[in-house]
C-alpha atoms as a PDB file:
ATOM      1  CA  MET A   1      86.642 182.002 203.911  1.00  0.00           C
ATOM      2  CA  LEU A   2      89.420 184.550 204.367  1.00  0.00           C
ATOM      3  CA  PRO A   3      92.147 181.915 204.988  1.00  0.00           C
ATOM      4  CA  ALA A   4      91.199 180.207 201.714  1.00  0.00           C
ATOM      5  CA  ILE A   5      91.584 183.440 199.775  1.00  0.00           C
ATOM      6  CA  VAL A   6      94.916 184.113 201.495  1.00  0.00           C
ATOM      7  CA  ILE A   7      96.147 180.596 200.634  1.00  0.00           C
ATOM      8  CA  LEU A   8      95.035 181.054 197.014  1.00  0.00           C
ATOM      9  CA  LEU A   9      96.650 184.474 196.572  1.00  0.00           C
ATOM     10  CA  ALA A  10      99.866 183.522 198.390  1.00  0.00           C
ATOM     11  CA  THR A  11     100.250 180.421 196.222  1.00  0.00           C
ATOM     12  CA  TRP A  12      99.646 182.439 193.062  1.00  0.00           C
ATOM     13  CA  VAL A  13     102.310 184.959 194.119  1.00  0.00           C
ATOM     14  CA  LEU A  14     104.783 182.171 194.926  1.00  0.00           C
ATOM     15  CA  MET A  15     104.116 180.523 191.562  1.00  0.00           C
ATOM     16  CA  TRP A  16     104.660 183.855 189.845  1.00  0.00           C
ATOM     17  CA  LEU A  17     107.906 184.436 191.734  1.00  0.00           C
ATOM     18  CA  ALA A  18     109.098 180.903 190.952  1.00  0.00           C
ATOM     19  CA  GLN A  19     109.119 181.778 187.263  1.00  0.00           C
ATOM     20  CA  SER A  20     112.212 183.941 187.815  1.00  0.00           C
ATOM     21  CA  ILE A  21     114.254 181.349 189.763  1.00  0.00           C
ATOM     22  CA  PRO A  22     116.931 179.863 187.467  1.00  0.00           C
ATOM     23  CA  THR A  23     117.053 176.109 186.923  1.00  0.00           C
ATOM     24  CA  LEU A  24     119.927 173.648 186.985  1.00  0.00           C
ATOM     25  CA  CYS A  25     119.337 171.045 184.319  1.00  0.00           C
ATOM     26  CA  ALA A  26     120.420 167.440 184.407  1.00  0.00           C
ATOM     27  CA  LEU A  27     123.617 166.815 182.450  1.00  0.00           C
ATOM     28  CA  ALA A  28     122.053 164.007 180.434  1.00  0.00           C
ATOM     29  CA  ASN A  29     119.115 166.082 179.196  1.00  0.00           C
ATOM     30  CA  PRO A  30     119.164 169.397 177.356  1.00  0.00           C
ATOM     31  CA  CYS A  31     117.687 172.349 179.180  1.00  0.00           C
ATOM     32  CA  PRO A  32     114.003 172.963 178.406  1.00  0.00           C
ATOM     33  CA  ALA A  33     112.650 176.325 177.354  1.00  0.00           C
ATOM     34  CA  PRO A  34     112.576 179.049 180.035  1.00  0.00           C
ATOM     35  CA  ASP A  35     108.768 179.144 180.005  1.00  0.00           C
ATOM     36  CA  VAL A  36     108.354 175.437 180.881  1.00  0.00           C
ATOM     37  CA  ARG A  37     107.016 176.350 184.341  1.00  0.00           C
ATOM     38  CA  VAL A  38     104.082 178.349 183.019  1.00  0.00           C
ATOM     39  CA  ALA A  39     101.851 175.358 182.215  1.00  0.00           C
ATOM     40  CA  PRO A  40     101.930 173.837 185.733  1.00  0.00           C
ATOM     41  CA  ALA A  41     101.359 177.275 187.239  1.00  0.00           C
ATOM     42  CA  TRP A  42      98.279 177.844 185.057  1.00  0.00           C
ATOM     43  CA  LEU A  43      96.964 174.316 185.647  1.00  0.00           C
ATOM     44  CA  PHE A  44      97.296 174.193 189.431  1.00  0.00           C
ATOM     45  CA  GLY A  45      96.470 177.886 189.851  1.00  0.00           C
ATOM     46  CA  GLY A  46      93.230 177.358 187.956  1.00  0.00           C
ATOM     47  CA  LEU A  47      92.373 174.152 189.785  1.00  0.00           C
ATOM     48  CA  MET A  48      92.741 175.950 193.126  1.00  0.00           C
ATOM     49  CA  ILE A  49      89.773 178.159 192.270  1.00  0.00           C
ATOM     50  CA  VAL A  50      87.342 175.208 192.607  1.00  0.00           C
ATOM     51  CA  PRO A  51      87.911 174.450 196.330  1.00  0.00           C
ATOM     52  CA  THR A  52      88.074 178.180 197.058  1.00  0.00           C
ATOM     53  CA  LEU A  53      84.634 178.621 195.494  1.00  0.00           C
ATOM     54  CA  GLY A  54      83.425 175.644 197.533  1.00  0.00           C
ATOM     55  CA  LEU A  55      84.607 177.359 200.709  1.00  0.00           C
ATOM     56  CA  ILE A  56      82.967 180.646 199.730  1.00  0.00           C
ATOM     57  CA  LEU A  57      79.667 178.911 198.989  1.00  0.00           C
ATOM     58  CA  ALA A  58      79.841 176.906 202.228  1.00  0.00           C
ATOM     59  CA  ALA A  59      80.455 180.106 204.188  1.00  0.00           C
ATOM     60  CA  ARG A  60      77.380 181.731 202.637  1.00  0.00           C
ATOM     61  CA  ALA A  61      75.104 178.726 203.284  1.00  0.00           C
ATOM     62  CA  ARG A  62      72.865 178.871 206.318  1.00  0.00           C
ATOM     63  CA  GLN A  63      73.213 175.151 207.020  1.00  0.00           C
ATOM     64  CA  SER A  64      76.218 173.472 208.587  1.00  0.00           C
ATOM     65  CA  TRP A  65      78.454 172.255 205.767  1.00  0.00           C
ATOM     66  CA  GLY A  66      81.446 171.233 207.875  1.00  0.00           C
ATOM     67  CA  TRP A  67      82.400 168.302 205.662  1.00  0.00           C
ATOM     68  CA  VAL A  68      82.505 170.541 202.581  1.00  0.00           C
ATOM     69  CA  ARG A  69      84.751 173.018 204.372  1.00  0.00           C
ATOM     70  CA  THR A  70      87.103 170.301 205.601  1.00  0.00           C
ATOM     71  CA  LEU A  71      87.325 168.604 202.224  1.00  0.00           C
ATOM     72  CA  SER A  72      87.801 171.933 200.430  1.00  0.00           C
ATOM     73  CA  TYR A  73      90.647 172.961 202.723  1.00  0.00           C
ATOM     74  CA  ILE A  74      92.358 169.586 202.268  1.00  0.00           C
ATOM     75  CA  VAL A  75      92.058 169.832 198.473  1.00  0.00           C
ATOM     76  CA  LEU A  76      93.144 173.494 198.440  1.00  0.00           C
ATOM     77  CA  VAL A  77      96.277 172.929 200.522  1.00  0.00           C
ATOM     78  CA  GLY A  78      97.080 169.737 198.607  1.00  0.00           C
ATOM     79  CA  LEU A  79      96.833 171.536 195.267  1.00  0.00           C
ATOM     80  CA  ALA A  80      98.984 174.385 196.607  1.00  0.00           C
ATOM     81  CA  VAL A  81     101.760 172.043 197.751  1.00  0.00           C
ATOM     82  CA  VAL A  82     101.696 169.815 194.662  1.00  0.00           C
ATOM     83  CA  GLY A  83     101.392 172.857 192.367  1.00  0.00           C
ATOM     84  CA  LEU A  84     104.367 174.634 193.914  1.00  0.00           C
ATOM     85  CA  GLY A  85     106.377 171.428 193.688  1.00  0.00           C
ATOM     86  CA  ALA A  86     105.425 170.994 190.039  1.00  0.00           C
ATOM     87  CA  VAL A  87     106.363 174.575 189.216  1.00  0.00           C
ATOM     88  CA  LEU A  88     109.688 174.434 191.048  1.00  0.00           C
ATOM     89  CA  PHE A  89     110.799 171.049 189.720  1.00  0.00           C
ATOM     90  CA  SER A  90     109.521 171.172 186.134  1.00  0.00           C
ATOM     91  CA  GLY A  91     112.355 171.348 183.684  1.00  0.00           C
ATOM     92  CA  GLY A  92     115.098 170.776 186.222  1.00  0.00           C
ATOM     93  CA  PHE A  93     115.934 171.386 189.846  1.00  0.00           C
ATOM     94  CA  THR A  94     115.527 175.026 190.837  1.00  0.00           C
ATOM     95  CA  VAL A  95     117.860 176.814 193.185  1.00  0.00           C
ATOM     96  CA  PRO A  96     117.266 180.286 194.566  1.00  0.00           C
ATOM     97  CA  LEU A  97     120.879 181.441 194.237  1.00  0.00           C
ATOM     98  CA  VAL A  98     123.337 180.502 191.509  1.00  0.00           C
ATOM     99  CA  LEU A  99     126.857 181.863 191.876  1.00  0.00           C
END
């Protein structure tokens, strides 16, 4: 249960920090608004609560729910990776340092 909460909180912090990374826009398209990365962060951040709740409920159950735990971890990590990718690449390619 604790690793799921750590994954959830770490992903939320990374999504929050990604909001401040500047973007390089494609030359053919105009740059989108600066807040274009908020919607994917809210969407994937909210969706990550579902598998985390599944892991918390499976940890509290007295029966063996190994398949629920495995599936929840797969979904949680998948949403974290896809969500971070969506936040970082929405509206242009992000780079951590622009000179």
